[in-house]
């Protein structure tokens, strides 16, 4: 079941001077896989990822199936996952996950300076452009 109103037009992305977001899908498989698999320690240490089962070892094929699942969630309006691309180079630098109980993001270790700007930008975007009453940012535990 969708957690946004039926008449809400889900944004197809967001652009800033630092990065752009676009819906994640299987077409991002190789770049997505390289980004997170090179940064597992950084992701696990990031706010919201402590103690989670992912990231875990996966094959490129398993990753593609995961991206297909995220694309299916997007189409069904049950969750919205965006890939985060560098605004200038187009390099994959992370992901944003918007689900009913949780909003999380990660960036690759080599772009750790984007962790907080991405979180803050997404928080503001959700508050301004999405049909959510309040967006609460959890503090690091």
N, C-alpha and C. Protein backbone atom coordinates (compact mmCIF):
# COMPACT_ATOMS: atom_id res chain seq x y z
N UNK A 1 0.84 -1.18 0.00
CA UNK A 1 0.00 0.00 0.00
C UNK A 1 0.89 1.25 0.00
N UNK A 2 0.53 2.22 -0.80
CA UNK A 2 1.29 3.45 -0.92
C UNK A 2 1.22 4.25 0.38
N UNK A 3 2.31 4.89 0.72
CA UNK A 3 2.29 5.74 1.91
C UNK A 3 2.27 7.22 1.54
N UNK A 4 2.04 7.50 0.27
CA UNK A 4 1.82 8.88 -0.18
C UNK A 4 0.42 8.92 -0.80
N UNK A 5 -0.22 10.08 -0.78
CA UNK A 5 -1.57 10.17 -1.35
C UNK A 5 -1.59 9.79 -2.83
N UNK A 6 -2.70 9.23 -3.30
CA UNK A 6 -2.79 8.78 -4.69
C UNK A 6 -2.54 9.89 -5.71
N UNK A 7 -2.89 11.13 -5.35
CA UNK A 7 -2.71 12.23 -6.31
C UNK A 7 -1.35 12.91 -6.19
N UNK A 8 -0.50 12.45 -5.28
CA UNK A 8 0.83 13.05 -5.12
C UNK A 8 1.72 12.62 -6.28
N UNK A 9 2.32 13.61 -6.93
CA UNK A 9 3.25 13.34 -8.01
C UNK A 9 4.64 13.17 -7.39
N UNK A 10 5.12 11.95 -7.40
CA UNK A 10 6.41 11.63 -6.79
C UNK A 10 7.52 12.30 -7.61
N UNK A 11 8.40 13.05 -6.94
CA UNK A 11 9.48 13.72 -7.67
C UNK A 11 10.37 12.72 -8.40
N UNK A 12 10.74 13.08 -9.62
CA UNK A 12 11.63 12.20 -10.38
C UNK A 12 13.09 12.53 -10.13
N UNK A 13 13.33 13.36 -9.12
CA UNK A 13 14.71 13.66 -8.74
C UNK A 13 14.83 15.00 -8.04
N UNK A 14 16.07 15.35 -7.81
CA UNK A 14 16.41 16.59 -7.13
C UNK A 14 17.81 16.97 -7.60
N UNK A 15 18.02 18.25 -7.85
CA UNK A 15 19.35 18.70 -8.27
C UNK A 15 19.85 19.80 -7.35
N UNK A 16 21.10 19.69 -6.94
CA UNK A 16 21.78 20.73 -6.18
C UNK A 16 23.12 20.99 -6.85
N UNK A 17 23.88 21.92 -6.31
CA UNK A 17 25.21 22.19 -6.86
C UNK A 17 26.17 21.03 -6.62
N UNK A 18 25.90 20.22 -5.60
CA UNK A 18 26.81 19.12 -5.23
C UNK A 18 26.44 17.78 -5.82
N UNK A 19 25.13 17.50 -5.93
CA UNK A 19 24.69 16.18 -6.36
C UNK A 19 23.31 16.27 -6.97
N UNK A 20 22.94 15.20 -7.64
CA UNK A 20 21.57 15.08 -8.14
C UNK A 20 21.05 13.69 -7.78
N UNK A 21 19.76 13.61 -7.55
CA UNK A 21 19.10 12.36 -7.23
C UNK A 21 18.24 11.96 -8.41
N UNK A 22 18.25 10.68 -8.73
CA UNK A 22 17.33 10.14 -9.73
C UNK A 22 16.90 8.76 -9.25
N UNK A 23 15.69 8.33 -9.64
CA UNK A 23 15.20 7.03 -9.18
C UNK A 23 16.20 5.92 -9.50
N UNK A 24 16.46 5.09 -8.50
CA UNK A 24 17.40 3.98 -8.63
C UNK A 24 16.75 2.83 -9.38
N UNK A 25 17.49 2.24 -10.29
CA UNK A 25 16.99 1.08 -11.02
C UNK A 25 18.13 0.20 -11.47
N UNK A 26 17.81 -0.90 -12.14
CA UNK A 26 18.84 -1.84 -12.56
C UNK A 26 19.87 -1.24 -13.52
N UNK A 27 19.54 -0.17 -14.19
CA UNK A 27 20.50 0.48 -15.07
C UNK A 27 21.68 1.06 -14.30
N UNK A 28 21.56 1.22 -13.00
CA UNK A 28 22.63 1.75 -12.15
C UNK A 28 23.48 0.64 -11.51
N UNK A 29 23.24 -0.60 -11.88
CA UNK A 29 23.81 -1.73 -11.16
C UNK A 29 25.31 -1.66 -10.96
N UNK A 30 26.07 -1.56 -12.01
CA UNK A 30 27.53 -1.62 -11.86
C UNK A 30 28.07 -0.45 -11.04
N UNK A 31 27.59 0.75 -11.32
CA UNK A 31 28.08 1.92 -10.58
C UNK A 31 27.65 1.88 -9.12
N UNK A 32 26.41 1.45 -8.86
CA UNK A 32 25.92 1.32 -7.49
C UNK A 32 26.73 0.28 -6.73
N UNK A 33 26.94 -0.86 -7.35
CA UNK A 33 27.69 -1.94 -6.72
C UNK A 33 29.10 -1.48 -6.35
N UNK A 34 29.77 -0.82 -7.28
CA UNK A 34 31.13 -0.34 -7.02
C UNK A 34 31.13 0.68 -5.88
N UNK A 35 30.15 1.56 -5.86
CA UNK A 35 30.11 2.61 -4.84
C UNK A 35 29.95 2.03 -3.44
N UNK A 36 28.95 1.17 -3.22
CA UNK A 36 28.73 0.67 -1.85
C UNK A 36 29.74 -0.39 -1.47
N UNK A 37 30.12 -1.25 -2.41
CA UNK A 37 31.02 -2.35 -2.03
C UNK A 37 32.43 -1.85 -1.71
N UNK A 38 32.77 -0.67 -2.17
CA UNK A 38 34.07 -0.08 -1.83
C UNK A 38 34.01 0.72 -0.53
N UNK A 39 32.83 0.77 0.08
CA UNK A 39 32.62 1.68 1.21
C UNK A 39 31.85 1.05 2.36
N UNK A 40 31.89 -0.27 2.50
CA UNK A 40 31.05 -0.93 3.51
C UNK A 40 31.34 -0.46 4.93
N UNK A 41 32.61 -0.29 5.29
CA UNK A 41 32.92 0.16 6.64
C UNK A 41 32.38 1.56 6.90
N UNK A 42 32.51 2.44 5.92
CA UNK A 42 31.99 3.80 6.07
C UNK A 42 30.47 3.79 6.21
N UNK A 43 29.80 3.00 5.38
CA UNK A 43 28.34 2.94 5.45
C UNK A 43 27.89 2.40 6.80
N UNK A 44 28.50 1.31 7.25
CA UNK A 44 28.12 0.73 8.55
C UNK A 44 28.31 1.69 9.71
N UNK A 45 29.25 2.61 9.58
CA UNK A 45 29.51 3.59 10.64
C UNK A 45 28.64 4.84 10.49
N UNK A 46 27.87 4.94 9.42
CA UNK A 46 27.05 6.13 9.17
C UNK A 46 25.75 6.08 9.96
N UNK A 47 25.24 7.25 10.30
CA UNK A 47 23.99 7.36 11.04
C UNK A 47 22.87 6.61 10.32
N UNK A 48 22.17 5.76 11.05
CA UNK A 48 21.06 5.01 10.50
C UNK A 48 21.41 3.63 10.00
N UNK A 49 22.69 3.33 9.89
CA UNK A 49 23.12 2.04 9.36
C UNK A 49 23.72 1.15 10.44
N UNK A 50 23.92 1.65 11.63
CA UNK A 50 24.52 0.85 12.69
C UNK A 50 23.66 -0.38 12.96
N UNK A 51 24.29 -1.55 13.01
CA UNK A 51 23.59 -2.77 13.36
C UNK A 51 22.69 -3.35 12.28
N UNK A 52 22.68 -2.80 11.09
CA UNK A 52 21.84 -3.32 10.01
C UNK A 52 22.53 -4.47 9.29
N UNK A 53 21.73 -5.30 8.64
CA UNK A 53 22.26 -6.45 7.92
C UNK A 53 22.95 -6.05 6.61
N UNK A 54 22.61 -4.93 6.08
CA UNK A 54 23.24 -4.43 4.86
C UNK A 54 24.10 -3.23 5.22
N UNK A 55 25.25 -3.04 4.61
CA UNK A 55 25.77 -3.78 3.47
C UNK A 55 26.37 -5.13 3.87
N UNK A 56 26.18 -6.07 2.98
CA UNK A 56 26.71 -7.42 3.15
C UNK A 56 27.27 -7.86 1.80
N UNK A 57 28.06 -8.90 1.83
CA UNK A 57 28.63 -9.41 0.59
C UNK A 57 27.51 -9.84 -0.36
N UNK A 58 27.58 -9.37 -1.59
CA UNK A 58 26.60 -9.70 -2.62
C UNK A 58 27.34 -9.81 -3.96
N UNK A 59 26.76 -10.58 -4.85
CA UNK A 59 27.29 -10.61 -6.21
C UNK A 59 26.65 -9.46 -6.99
N UNK A 60 27.20 -9.18 -8.14
CA UNK A 60 26.65 -8.14 -9.00
C UNK A 60 25.22 -8.51 -9.41
N UNK A 61 24.96 -9.79 -9.62
CA UNK A 61 23.62 -10.25 -9.96
C UNK A 61 22.64 -10.04 -8.81
N UNK A 62 23.07 -10.35 -7.59
CA UNK A 62 22.22 -10.12 -6.42
C UNK A 62 21.93 -8.63 -6.26
N UNK A 63 22.92 -7.81 -6.52
CA UNK A 63 22.72 -6.36 -6.42
C UNK A 63 21.68 -5.90 -7.44
N UNK A 64 21.77 -6.40 -8.67
CA UNK A 64 20.80 -6.04 -9.70
C UNK A 64 19.39 -6.41 -9.25
N UNK A 65 19.21 -7.59 -8.67
CA UNK A 65 17.89 -8.00 -8.18
C UNK A 65 17.41 -7.05 -7.08
N UNK A 66 18.32 -6.61 -6.23
CA UNK A 66 17.98 -5.65 -5.18
C UNK A 66 17.51 -4.33 -5.80
N UNK A 67 18.21 -3.88 -6.83
CA UNK A 67 17.82 -2.63 -7.50
C UNK A 67 16.47 -2.79 -8.20
N UNK A 68 16.22 -3.97 -8.76
CA UNK A 68 14.91 -4.23 -9.37
C UNK A 68 13.81 -4.15 -8.32
N UNK A 69 14.08 -4.68 -7.13
CA UNK A 69 13.09 -4.61 -6.04
C UNK A 69 12.81 -3.16 -5.66
N UNK A 70 13.87 -2.35 -5.57
CA UNK A 70 13.67 -0.93 -5.25
C UNK A 70 12.86 -0.24 -6.34
N UNK A 71 13.13 -0.56 -7.60
CA UNK A 71 12.36 0.03 -8.71
C UNK A 71 10.90 -0.40 -8.65
N UNK A 72 10.65 -1.65 -8.28
CA UNK A 72 9.27 -2.14 -8.12
C UNK A 72 8.57 -1.40 -6.99
N UNK A 73 9.27 -1.18 -5.87
CA UNK A 73 8.70 -0.41 -4.76
C UNK A 73 8.33 1.00 -5.22
N UNK A 74 9.22 1.60 -6.00
CA UNK A 74 8.98 2.96 -6.50
C UNK A 74 7.71 2.97 -7.35
N UNK A 75 7.61 2.01 -8.29
CA UNK A 75 6.44 1.94 -9.16
C UNK A 75 5.15 1.69 -8.37
N UNK A 76 5.24 0.89 -7.32
CA UNK A 76 4.07 0.58 -6.49
C UNK A 76 3.80 1.67 -5.45
N UNK A 77 4.73 2.64 -5.35
CA UNK A 77 4.61 3.76 -4.40
C UNK A 77 4.66 3.30 -2.95
N UNK A 78 5.41 2.21 -2.70
CA UNK A 78 5.56 1.71 -1.34
C UNK A 78 6.91 2.10 -0.74
N UNK A 79 7.79 2.62 -1.55
CA UNK A 79 9.11 3.08 -1.12
C UNK A 79 9.79 3.75 -2.29
N UNK A 80 10.66 4.69 -1.99
CA UNK A 80 11.28 5.48 -3.05
C UNK A 80 12.79 5.54 -2.81
N UNK A 81 13.54 4.91 -3.71
CA UNK A 81 14.98 4.90 -3.58
C UNK A 81 15.57 5.68 -4.75
N UNK A 82 16.50 6.56 -4.39
CA UNK A 82 17.17 7.41 -5.38
C UNK A 82 18.66 7.15 -5.34
N UNK A 83 19.28 7.08 -6.51
CA UNK A 83 20.72 7.06 -6.57
C UNK A 83 21.20 8.50 -6.46
N UNK A 84 22.36 8.68 -5.86
CA UNK A 84 22.94 10.02 -5.69
C UNK A 84 24.14 10.09 -6.62
N UNK A 85 24.11 11.06 -7.52
CA UNK A 85 25.15 11.23 -8.52
C UNK A 85 25.86 12.57 -8.32
N UNK A 86 27.15 12.60 -8.53
CA UNK A 86 27.90 13.84 -8.46
C UNK A 86 27.33 14.80 -9.51
N UNK A 87 27.08 16.05 -9.13
CA UNK A 87 26.45 17.02 -10.02
C UNK A 87 27.29 17.33 -11.25
N UNK A 88 28.61 17.22 -11.14
CA UNK A 88 29.49 17.55 -12.25
C UNK A 88 29.88 16.32 -13.06
N UNK A 89 30.37 15.29 -12.38
CA UNK A 89 30.92 14.12 -13.09
C UNK A 89 29.90 13.03 -13.39
N UNK A 90 28.79 13.01 -12.66
CA UNK A 90 27.80 11.96 -12.82
C UNK A 90 28.17 10.66 -12.10
N UNK A 91 29.30 10.67 -11.38
CA UNK A 91 29.73 9.48 -10.63
C UNK A 91 28.70 9.14 -9.56
N UNK A 92 28.44 7.84 -9.37
CA UNK A 92 27.55 7.40 -8.30
C UNK A 92 28.26 7.60 -6.96
N UNK A 93 27.62 8.39 -6.10
CA UNK A 93 28.24 8.67 -4.80
C UNK A 93 27.41 8.16 -3.63
N UNK A 94 26.20 7.65 -3.87
CA UNK A 94 25.41 7.15 -2.76
C UNK A 94 23.98 6.82 -3.13
N UNK A 95 23.15 6.67 -2.10
CA UNK A 95 21.72 6.37 -2.27
C UNK A 95 20.91 7.02 -1.16
N UNK A 96 19.65 7.26 -1.46
CA UNK A 96 18.67 7.74 -0.50
C UNK A 96 17.48 6.79 -0.55
N UNK A 97 17.02 6.33 0.62
CA UNK A 97 15.90 5.41 0.73
C UNK A 97 14.78 6.12 1.51
N UNK A 98 13.62 6.23 0.91
CA UNK A 98 12.47 6.86 1.56
C UNK A 98 11.39 5.78 1.69
N UNK A 99 11.22 5.28 2.90
CA UNK A 99 10.24 4.24 3.18
C UNK A 99 9.37 4.71 4.34
N UNK A 100 8.20 4.10 4.54
CA UNK A 100 7.27 4.59 5.56
C UNK A 100 7.87 4.76 6.95
N UNK A 101 8.69 3.83 7.39
CA UNK A 101 9.20 3.90 8.75
C UNK A 101 10.59 4.50 8.86
N UNK A 102 11.19 4.84 7.72
CA UNK A 102 12.61 5.20 7.79
C UNK A 102 13.05 5.92 6.53
N UNK A 103 13.89 6.90 6.72
CA UNK A 103 14.59 7.55 5.61
C UNK A 103 16.06 7.47 5.95
N UNK A 104 16.82 6.88 5.03
CA UNK A 104 18.26 6.72 5.25
C UNK A 104 19.00 7.09 3.98
N UNK A 105 20.26 7.42 4.17
CA UNK A 105 21.12 7.67 3.02
C UNK A 105 22.52 7.18 3.34
N UNK A 106 23.29 6.98 2.30
CA UNK A 106 24.71 6.66 2.45
C UNK A 106 25.46 7.31 1.30
N UNK A 107 26.72 7.56 1.55
CA UNK A 107 27.62 8.01 0.50
C UNK A 107 28.88 7.15 0.55
N UNK A 108 29.54 7.04 -0.57
CA UNK A 108 30.76 6.25 -0.62
C UNK A 108 31.83 6.92 0.24
N UNK A 109 32.76 6.12 0.75
CA UNK A 109 33.78 6.61 1.67
C UNK A 109 34.60 7.74 1.07
N UNK A 110 34.88 7.68 -0.21
CA UNK A 110 35.70 8.72 -0.85
C UNK A 110 34.96 10.05 -0.97
N UNK A 111 33.66 10.06 -0.68
CA UNK A 111 32.87 11.30 -0.71
C UNK A 111 32.17 11.55 0.63
N UNK A 112 32.84 11.15 1.70
CA UNK A 112 32.26 11.27 3.04
C UNK A 112 31.84 12.69 3.39
N UNK A 113 32.46 13.67 2.77
CA UNK A 113 32.09 15.07 3.04
C UNK A 113 30.65 15.37 2.63
N UNK A 114 30.03 14.49 1.85
CA UNK A 114 28.64 14.71 1.43
C UNK A 114 27.62 14.10 2.37
N UNK A 115 28.06 13.34 3.38
CA UNK A 115 27.12 12.71 4.31
C UNK A 115 26.11 13.71 4.87
N UNK A 116 26.60 14.72 5.55
CA UNK A 116 25.70 15.69 6.20
C UNK A 116 24.96 16.57 5.20
N UNK A 117 25.63 17.13 4.17
CA UNK A 117 24.87 17.92 3.20
C UNK A 117 23.74 17.12 2.54
N UNK A 118 23.98 15.84 2.25
CA UNK A 118 22.92 15.01 1.66
C UNK A 118 21.78 14.83 2.64
N UNK A 119 22.09 14.49 3.88
CA UNK A 119 21.03 14.31 4.89
C UNK A 119 20.20 15.58 5.06
N UNK A 120 20.87 16.70 5.18
CA UNK A 120 20.16 17.97 5.39
C UNK A 120 19.32 18.34 4.17
N UNK A 121 19.86 18.18 2.98
CA UNK A 121 19.12 18.49 1.77
C UNK A 121 17.89 17.61 1.64
N UNK A 122 18.04 16.32 1.91
CA UNK A 122 16.90 15.40 1.82
C UNK A 122 15.86 15.74 2.88
N UNK A 123 16.29 16.05 4.09
CA UNK A 123 15.34 16.43 5.14
C UNK A 123 14.53 17.65 4.70
N UNK A 124 15.19 18.66 4.17
CA UNK A 124 14.50 19.87 3.71
C UNK A 124 13.57 19.56 2.53
N UNK A 125 14.03 18.73 1.60
CA UNK A 125 13.24 18.35 0.43
C UNK A 125 11.98 17.61 0.86
N UNK A 126 12.12 16.68 1.78
CA UNK A 126 10.96 15.93 2.26
C UNK A 126 9.95 16.86 2.93
N UNK A 127 10.45 17.82 3.71
CA UNK A 127 9.56 18.76 4.39
C UNK A 127 8.86 19.72 3.44
N UNK A 128 9.54 20.09 2.35
CA UNK A 128 9.00 21.09 1.44
C UNK A 128 8.20 20.51 0.27
N UNK A 129 8.62 19.38 -0.25
CA UNK A 129 8.05 18.86 -1.49
C UNK A 129 7.24 17.58 -1.34
N UNK A 130 7.34 16.92 -0.21
CA UNK A 130 6.65 15.65 -0.02
C UNK A 130 5.49 15.84 0.96
N UNK A 131 4.49 14.96 0.94
CA UNK A 131 3.30 15.14 1.77
C UNK A 131 3.43 14.56 3.18
N UNK A 132 4.54 14.91 3.83
CA UNK A 132 4.77 14.42 5.18
C UNK A 132 4.61 15.58 6.15
N UNK A 133 3.94 15.34 7.26
CA UNK A 133 3.70 16.39 8.23
C UNK A 133 4.96 16.90 8.89
N UNK A 134 5.84 15.99 9.25
CA UNK A 134 7.06 16.38 9.96
C UNK A 134 8.15 15.37 9.63
N UNK A 135 9.35 15.88 9.45
CA UNK A 135 10.48 15.03 9.18
C UNK A 135 11.44 15.18 10.36
N UNK A 136 11.63 14.10 11.10
CA UNK A 136 12.47 14.12 12.30
C UNK A 136 13.79 13.46 11.97
N UNK A 137 14.85 14.15 12.28
CA UNK A 137 16.19 13.58 12.06
C UNK A 137 16.69 12.98 13.37
N UNK A 138 17.00 11.69 13.30
CA UNK A 138 17.53 11.01 14.48
C UNK A 138 18.98 11.42 14.72
N UNK A 139 19.31 11.54 15.97
CA UNK A 139 20.70 11.82 16.33
C UNK A 139 21.47 10.52 16.31
N UNK A 140 22.76 10.63 16.13
CA UNK A 140 23.64 9.45 16.16
C UNK A 140 23.54 8.83 17.54
N UNK A 141 23.37 7.50 17.55
CA UNK A 141 23.25 6.82 18.84
C UNK A 141 24.61 6.39 19.37
